[in-house]
Protein backbone atom coordinates (compact mmCIF):
# COMPACT_ATOMS: atom_id res chain seq x y z
CA MET A 1 62.38 -61.72 49.74
CA THR A 2 65.43 -63.61 50.97
CA ASN A 3 68.39 -61.81 52.49
CA GLU A 4 71.67 -61.78 50.58
CA PRO A 5 74.35 -63.29 52.82
CA GLN A 6 77.36 -61.21 53.80
CA TYR A 7 80.59 -63.20 54.09
CA PRO A 8 83.44 -61.92 56.31
CA VAL A 9 86.00 -63.98 54.35
CA GLN A 10 85.08 -63.84 50.67
CA ALA A 11 87.80 -66.27 49.55
CA ALA A 12 86.42 -68.98 51.84
CA ALA A 13 82.90 -68.28 50.57
CA THR A 14 84.13 -68.68 46.98
CA THR A 15 85.68 -72.04 47.84
CA PHE A 16 82.40 -73.37 49.17
CA GLN A 17 80.42 -71.86 46.30
CA ILE A 18 82.65 -73.83 43.93
CA ILE A 19 82.16 -77.04 45.90
CA GLU A 20 78.38 -76.61 46.02
CA THR A 21 78.19 -75.76 42.33
CA LEU A 22 80.23 -78.82 41.40
CA HIS A 23 77.80 -80.87 43.46
CA GLU A 24 74.78 -79.33 41.72
CA LEU A 25 76.28 -79.76 38.25
CA ASN A 26 77.66 -83.24 38.97
CA GLY A 27 81.08 -82.08 37.83
CA ALA A 28 82.33 -79.22 35.68
CA GLY A 29 85.41 -77.68 34.12
CA VAL A 30 87.03 -74.32 34.74
CA SER A 31 85.18 -72.46 31.98
CA GLU A 32 81.76 -73.80 32.97
CA LEU A 33 82.31 -72.95 36.64
CA SER A 34 83.59 -69.49 35.76
CA GLU A 35 80.47 -68.77 33.72
CA GLU A 36 78.14 -70.30 36.31
CA LEU A 37 79.62 -68.32 39.21
CA GLY A 38 80.43 -65.12 37.32
CA LYS A 39 84.04 -65.22 38.48
CA PRO A 40 87.34 -64.97 36.54
CA LYS A 41 88.76 -68.23 35.22
CA SER A 42 92.04 -67.56 37.01
CA THR A 43 90.26 -67.29 40.38
CA VAL A 44 88.24 -70.45 39.77
CA HIS A 45 91.33 -72.32 38.58
CA ASP A 46 93.33 -71.40 41.71
CA HIS A 47 90.55 -72.58 44.00
CA LEU A 48 90.16 -75.83 42.05
CA GLN A 49 93.88 -76.52 42.22
CA THR A 50 93.98 -75.93 45.96
CA LEU A 51 90.94 -78.15 46.59
CA THR A 52 92.39 -80.90 44.40
CA GLU A 53 95.80 -80.80 46.08
CA THR A 54 94.14 -81.01 49.51
CA GLU A 55 92.18 -84.03 48.17
CA TYR A 56 88.68 -82.56 48.46
CA LEU A 57 88.16 -82.61 44.68
CA VAL A 58 89.17 -85.05 41.98
CA ASN A 59 90.18 -83.97 38.48
CA GLU A 60 89.05 -86.32 35.72
CA ARG A 61 90.60 -85.03 32.49
CA GLY A 62 89.69 -81.43 33.22
CA THR A 63 86.32 -82.11 34.82
CA TYR A 64 86.30 -81.59 38.56
CA HIS A 65 84.12 -83.60 40.95
CA VAL A 66 83.50 -83.52 44.69
CA GLY A 67 85.81 -86.09 46.27
CA ALA A 68 85.10 -88.90 48.72
CA ARG A 69 87.00 -87.08 51.45
CA PHE A 70 83.76 -85.25 52.22
CA LEU A 71 82.25 -88.65 53.00
CA GLU A 72 84.74 -89.10 55.84
CA LEU A 73 83.78 -85.77 57.37
CA GLY A 74 80.04 -86.24 56.92
CA GLY A 75 80.13 -89.81 58.15
CA PHE A 76 82.00 -88.79 61.27
CA ALA A 77 79.59 -85.91 61.99
CA ARG A 78 76.60 -88.23 61.63
CA SER A 79 78.11 -90.97 63.78
CA GLN A 80 78.47 -88.52 66.69
CA MET A 81 74.76 -87.65 66.73
CA LYS A 82 72.75 -89.34 69.48
CA LEU A 83 69.56 -89.07 67.43
CA TYR A 84 71.14 -90.97 64.54
CA LYS A 85 72.32 -93.78 66.80
CA ILE A 86 68.99 -94.23 68.57
CA ALA A 87 66.62 -93.61 65.64
CA SER A 88 68.38 -95.75 63.02
CA PRO A 89 67.15 -99.17 64.27
CA GLU A 90 63.61 -97.81 64.52
CA ILE A 91 63.81 -96.37 61.00
CA LYS A 92 64.77 -99.81 59.71
CA LYS A 93 61.84 -101.42 61.56
CA LEU A 94 59.48 -98.78 60.18
CA ALA A 95 60.56 -99.53 56.60
CA GLU A 96 60.19 -103.28 57.16
CA GLU A 97 56.73 -102.89 58.71
CA THR A 98 55.34 -100.61 56.00
CA GLY A 99 57.33 -101.90 53.04
CA GLU A 100 58.00 -98.29 52.04
CA HIS A 101 60.66 -95.60 52.51
CA ALA A 102 61.34 -94.56 56.11
CA ASN A 103 63.35 -91.38 56.66
CA LEU A 104 65.09 -89.43 59.40
CA MET A 105 65.64 -85.68 59.01
CA ILE A 106 67.28 -82.96 61.05
CA GLU A 107 67.35 -79.19 60.53
CA GLU A 108 70.50 -77.12 60.17
CA HIS A 109 70.67 -73.47 59.11
CA GLY A 110 67.01 -73.51 58.13
CA LYS A 111 67.25 -76.46 55.72
CA GLY A 112 66.18 -80.07 56.15
CA ILE A 113 68.93 -82.70 55.94
CA PHE A 114 68.23 -86.38 55.37
CA LEU A 115 70.23 -88.08 58.12
CA ASN A 116 69.19 -91.67 57.47
CA LYS A 117 66.80 -93.69 55.35
CA ALA A 118 65.68 -97.30 55.02
CA LYS A 119 63.97 -98.94 52.09
CA GLY A 120 61.17 -101.48 52.50
CA GLN A 121 60.54 -104.33 50.11
CA ASP A 122 57.93 -102.39 48.09
CA ALA A 123 59.66 -98.99 48.10
CA VAL A 124 60.10 -97.14 44.81
CA ASN A 125 63.31 -95.37 43.83
CA LEU A 126 63.59 -91.75 44.97
CA ASP A 127 66.15 -88.95 44.63
CA THR A 128 66.72 -88.73 48.38
CA HIS A 129 70.17 -89.64 49.65
CA ILE A 130 71.96 -89.26 52.95
CA GLY A 131 72.96 -85.63 53.38
CA LYS A 132 70.50 -84.26 50.82
CA ARG A 133 69.35 -80.76 51.80
CA VAL A 134 65.82 -79.58 51.05
CA HIS A 135 63.57 -76.64 51.89
CA LEU A 136 61.64 -77.51 55.02
CA HIS A 137 58.25 -76.40 53.70
CA THR A 138 58.39 -78.90 50.81
CA THR A 139 58.35 -82.06 52.94
CA ALA A 140 56.24 -83.60 55.67
CA LEU A 141 59.46 -84.04 57.64
CA GLY A 142 60.34 -80.38 57.40
CA LYS A 143 56.84 -79.21 58.23
CA ALA A 144 56.79 -81.52 61.27
CA ILE A 145 59.96 -79.80 62.52
CA LEU A 146 58.65 -76.30 61.72
CA SER A 147 55.40 -77.01 63.58
CA GLN A 148 57.37 -77.23 66.83
CA ARG A 149 59.32 -74.01 66.31
CA PRO A 150 58.32 -70.52 67.55
CA GLU A 151 56.75 -68.28 64.92
CA ALA A 152 59.78 -65.97 65.02
CA ASP A 153 62.02 -68.88 64.02
CA ILE A 154 59.67 -69.83 61.19
CA ASP A 155 59.66 -66.25 59.89
CA GLU A 156 63.46 -66.12 60.02
CA ILE A 157 63.78 -69.36 58.04
CA ILE A 158 61.29 -68.21 55.41
CA ASP A 159 62.97 -64.81 55.17
CA ARG A 160 66.31 -66.50 54.61
CA HIS A 161 65.32 -69.29 52.21
CA GLY A 162 61.95 -68.25 50.80
CA LEU A 163 59.12 -70.60 49.87
CA PRO A 164 60.08 -71.87 46.41
CA GLY A 165 57.75 -74.29 44.66
CA VAL A 166 59.06 -77.73 43.75
CA THR A 167 55.85 -79.21 42.35
CA GLU A 168 52.53 -77.55 41.56
CA LYS A 169 51.28 -78.73 44.98
CA THR A 170 54.08 -77.20 47.07
CA LEU A 171 52.84 -74.71 49.67
CA THR A 172 54.27 -71.34 48.64
CA ASP A 173 51.90 -69.03 50.54
CA ILE A 174 53.13 -68.11 54.01
CA ASP A 175 49.64 -67.83 55.52
CA GLU A 176 48.58 -71.22 54.18
CA LEU A 177 51.79 -72.75 55.48
CA LYS A 178 51.31 -71.30 58.95
CA ASP A 179 47.70 -72.52 59.05
CA GLN A 180 48.90 -76.01 58.18
CA LEU A 181 51.66 -75.85 60.81
CA THR A 182 49.02 -75.06 63.44
CA THR A 183 47.06 -78.15 62.39
CA ILE A 184 50.21 -80.27 62.46
CA ASN A 185 51.01 -79.07 65.96
CA GLU A 186 47.51 -80.00 67.13
CA GLN A 187 47.30 -83.45 65.53
CA GLY A 188 50.94 -84.42 66.08
CA TYR A 189 51.89 -85.35 62.51
CA ALA A 190 52.44 -83.74 59.12
CA ILE A 191 51.57 -84.80 55.60
CA ASP A 192 53.14 -84.13 52.23
CA ASP A 193 50.71 -84.74 49.36
CA GLU A 194 52.93 -84.68 46.25
CA GLU A 195 54.51 -81.44 47.47
CA ARG A 196 58.15 -82.38 46.77
CA VAL A 197 57.84 -85.37 44.45
CA SER A 198 54.88 -85.82 42.12
CA GLY A 199 53.13 -89.14 42.70
CA MET A 200 54.43 -89.52 46.26
CA ARG A 201 52.74 -89.00 49.61
CA CYS A 202 54.46 -88.81 52.98
CA VAL A 203 53.52 -88.77 56.68
CA ALA A 204 55.97 -87.45 59.29
CA ALA A 205 56.14 -86.86 63.04
CA PRO A 206 58.54 -84.62 64.95
CA ILE A 207 61.09 -85.91 67.43
CA CYS A 208 61.39 -83.60 70.45
CA ASP A 209 63.68 -83.48 73.46
CA ASP A 210 62.66 -83.19 77.11
CA ALA A 211 62.10 -79.45 76.70
CA GLU A 212 59.78 -80.02 73.71
CA ASN A 213 62.36 -78.64 71.28
CA PRO A 214 62.33 -80.35 67.86
CA ILE A 215 65.55 -82.25 67.18
CA GLY A 216 64.40 -84.04 64.04
CA ALA A 217 61.54 -85.88 62.38
CA ILE A 218 60.77 -89.31 60.97
CA SER A 219 58.53 -90.24 58.07
CA VAL A 220 57.15 -92.92 55.81
CA SER A 221 56.67 -92.12 52.13
CA GLY A 222 55.04 -94.09 49.35
CA PRO A 223 53.35 -93.76 45.95
CA THR A 224 49.83 -92.36 45.80
CA ASN A 225 48.39 -95.59 44.41
CA ARG A 226 49.33 -97.39 47.65
CA PHE A 227 48.80 -94.43 49.97
CA ASP A 228 45.07 -94.12 49.36
CA ASP A 229 43.07 -91.69 51.48
CA GLU A 230 42.32 -94.17 54.27
CA THR A 231 45.90 -95.43 54.52
CA PHE A 232 47.26 -91.90 54.29
CA ALA A 233 44.94 -90.51 56.96
CA THR A 234 44.82 -93.38 59.45
CA GLU A 235 47.19 -96.32 59.12
CA ILE A 236 50.47 -94.56 58.31
CA PRO A 237 50.08 -91.73 60.88
CA LYS A 238 49.44 -94.33 63.60
CA VAL A 239 52.64 -96.28 62.95
CA VAL A 240 54.74 -93.14 62.44
CA LEU A 241 53.53 -91.59 65.70
CA SER A 242 54.20 -94.83 67.56
CA THR A 243 57.76 -94.99 66.24
CA ALA A 244 58.38 -91.32 67.08
CA ASN A 245 57.25 -91.99 70.64
CA VAL A 246 59.65 -94.95 70.97
CA ILE A 247 62.55 -92.82 69.73
CA GLU A 248 61.74 -89.98 72.13
CA VAL A 249 61.57 -92.36 75.09
CA ASN A 250 64.87 -94.00 74.11
CA MET A 251 66.47 -90.58 73.69
CA THR A 252 65.43 -89.67 77.22
CA TYR A 253 66.52 -92.82 79.01
CA SER A 254 69.58 -93.95 77.08
C-alpha cells in the first residue's frame, strides 16, 4: 500500500495537482477539473486564473492547457546536468548504430524520467517524450537503476509508488522484482520484455558514478519482430554495455 502524501502548504499542492491533471487530460475546463479533483469550482477557477496570469497556463476558449513556459524551466534544468551533456552524443550514436530507439533516463523522487532520446532509421513511433515520468519497475531503464540501489531504497520507492501493472507482462510481485534485480546486478544489464509497451522489447544498462551510485541508465528498444531472442540476449546487451562504459569513463575524466 502506498503512503498518502502530507503537504505542509495545501494551496501549493492544489496548484500542482491542477497542473498535473491538465497534463494528464490534455486540457480541461473548470467544471471538468473540479469534478476530477473533487474541489469547489471557485477554488479551481482561482488557481487557473493565477496560473494563466503568471503565464504557466494558456486559456483556449475556456479550456486550459499547460503552457510552454514549463519548457523553459525544464530545458534549463536538463541543460545543467552533466550526464545529459556527456551522454547525449553517445545516445545519438547508439540509435544510429542499432537503427532503433536509444534512451537516457534518470530517477527523481522514485520515478523514472526520460532525459533524452534518439531515433534510428528503423525506429517505430512510441509514446515516450522528453520529461515523461514512468514507474521504474515497468522499464528496463528503471530496473537497471533500481538494481544498483540498496534494498531499503527499493522498498521505500515501492512503498511510495506501488507496483502497478501497465501491460499483462509488467512485474507486479515484489519478490519476483527483487529476484530480477539481483540478476540484473550480476549480469550488468536489464531487459524489458513487453512490460511497458506491448510488442516492444528493451535492453538497458545503468550509469554509475565513481562511488558506484546509479545516476541514470541508457537503453535501446525495438519491436519484438526485430528483437528476436538471439538479438535480445546477445547483440543488443553488448552494444548497450559498451556505450554505458564510454559514458561512465567520460563522466569521470571530463
